[in-house]
């Protein structure tokens, strides 16, 4: 049994290779990550673009936190 997922979600993950939605973050964590993204966009006068989606965890510490967050990596 997974740490956060139901048996049905685990079966879907094993069958499809993905499952959503997963409640991974607290409301405060989600606000903090969104704020970090919005601060970047405001500072650079643009939204995150296609050029930012190649290994973004190497560009942004907050994305690195997301991809290594226990609620994400330990979901299954």
Protein backbone atom coordinates (compact mmCIF):
# COMPACT_ATOMS: atom_id res chain seq x y z
CA UNK A 1 0.00 0.00 0.00
CA UNK A 2 1.28 3.47 -0.86
CA UNK A 3 1.92 6.14 1.68
CA UNK A 4 -0.60 8.62 0.26
CA UNK A 5 -2.39 6.84 -2.55
CA UNK A 6 -5.39 4.56 -2.40
CA UNK A 7 -5.18 1.08 -3.89
CA UNK A 8 -7.20 2.31 -6.89
CA UNK A 9 -4.77 5.19 -7.44
CA UNK A 10 -1.80 2.83 -7.23
CA UNK A 11 -3.40 0.53 -9.79
CA UNK A 12 -4.03 3.51 -12.07
CA UNK A 13 -0.42 4.62 -11.62
CA UNK A 14 0.88 1.16 -12.46
CA UNK A 15 -1.39 0.93 -15.50
CA UNK A 16 -1.05 4.49 -16.85
CA UNK A 17 2.26 5.68 -15.42
CA UNK A 18 0.68 8.69 -13.72
CA UNK A 19 -2.10 9.56 -11.33
CA UNK A 20 -3.73 12.82 -10.40
CA UNK A 21 -4.70 14.79 -8.44
CA UNK A 22 -2.52 14.17 -5.41
CA UNK A 23 -2.87 16.46 -2.42
CA UNK A 24 0.83 16.86 -1.76
CA UNK A 25 1.31 20.27 -0.18
CA UNK A 26 -0.24 22.22 2.59
CA UNK A 27 -2.01 25.40 1.56
CA UNK A 28 0.92 27.43 2.91
CA UNK A 29 3.47 25.40 0.92
CA UNK A 30 1.41 25.81 -2.25
CA UNK A 31 1.18 29.57 -1.65
CA UNK A 32 4.95 29.77 -1.10
CA UNK A 33 5.75 27.91 -4.34
CA UNK A 34 3.25 29.97 -6.30
CA UNK A 35 4.64 33.18 -4.81
CA UNK A 36 8.16 32.14 -5.85
CA UNK A 37 7.00 31.59 -9.42
CA UNK A 38 5.09 34.87 -9.50
CA UNK A 39 8.08 36.75 -8.08
CA UNK A 40 10.27 35.36 -10.85
CA UNK A 41 7.72 36.37 -13.47
CA UNK A 42 7.39 39.88 -12.02
CA UNK A 43 11.16 40.34 -11.81
CA UNK A 44 11.66 39.25 -15.42
CA UNK A 45 8.52 40.78 -16.89
CA UNK A 46 7.43 37.49 -18.40
CA UNK A 47 5.75 34.24 -17.51
CA UNK A 48 7.79 31.09 -17.26
CA UNK A 49 8.35 29.99 -20.83
CA UNK A 50 9.27 26.88 -22.71
CA UNK A 51 12.94 27.61 -22.09
CA UNK A 52 12.35 27.26 -18.37
CA UNK A 53 10.85 23.78 -18.51
CA UNK A 54 14.07 21.89 -19.28
CA UNK A 55 15.44 20.74 -15.92
CA UNK A 56 13.82 23.64 -14.04
CA UNK A 57 14.93 22.10 -10.75
CA UNK A 58 18.45 23.17 -11.72
CA UNK A 59 17.31 26.75 -12.37
CA UNK A 60 15.03 27.35 -9.40
CA UNK A 61 15.60 26.19 -5.84
CA UNK A 62 11.86 26.19 -5.20
CA UNK A 63 11.29 23.73 -8.08
CA UNK A 64 14.06 21.54 -6.67
CA UNK A 65 12.19 21.55 -3.36
CA UNK A 66 9.01 20.46 -5.13
CA UNK A 67 10.57 17.57 -7.05
CA UNK A 68 12.34 16.29 -3.94
CA UNK A 69 9.45 16.90 -1.54
CA UNK A 70 8.62 13.72 0.41
CA UNK A 71 4.93 14.12 -0.40
CA UNK A 72 5.84 13.79 -4.08
CA UNK A 73 8.59 11.17 -4.08
CA UNK A 74 7.00 9.01 -1.38
CA UNK A 75 3.46 9.09 -2.76
CA UNK A 76 3.59 5.52 -4.04
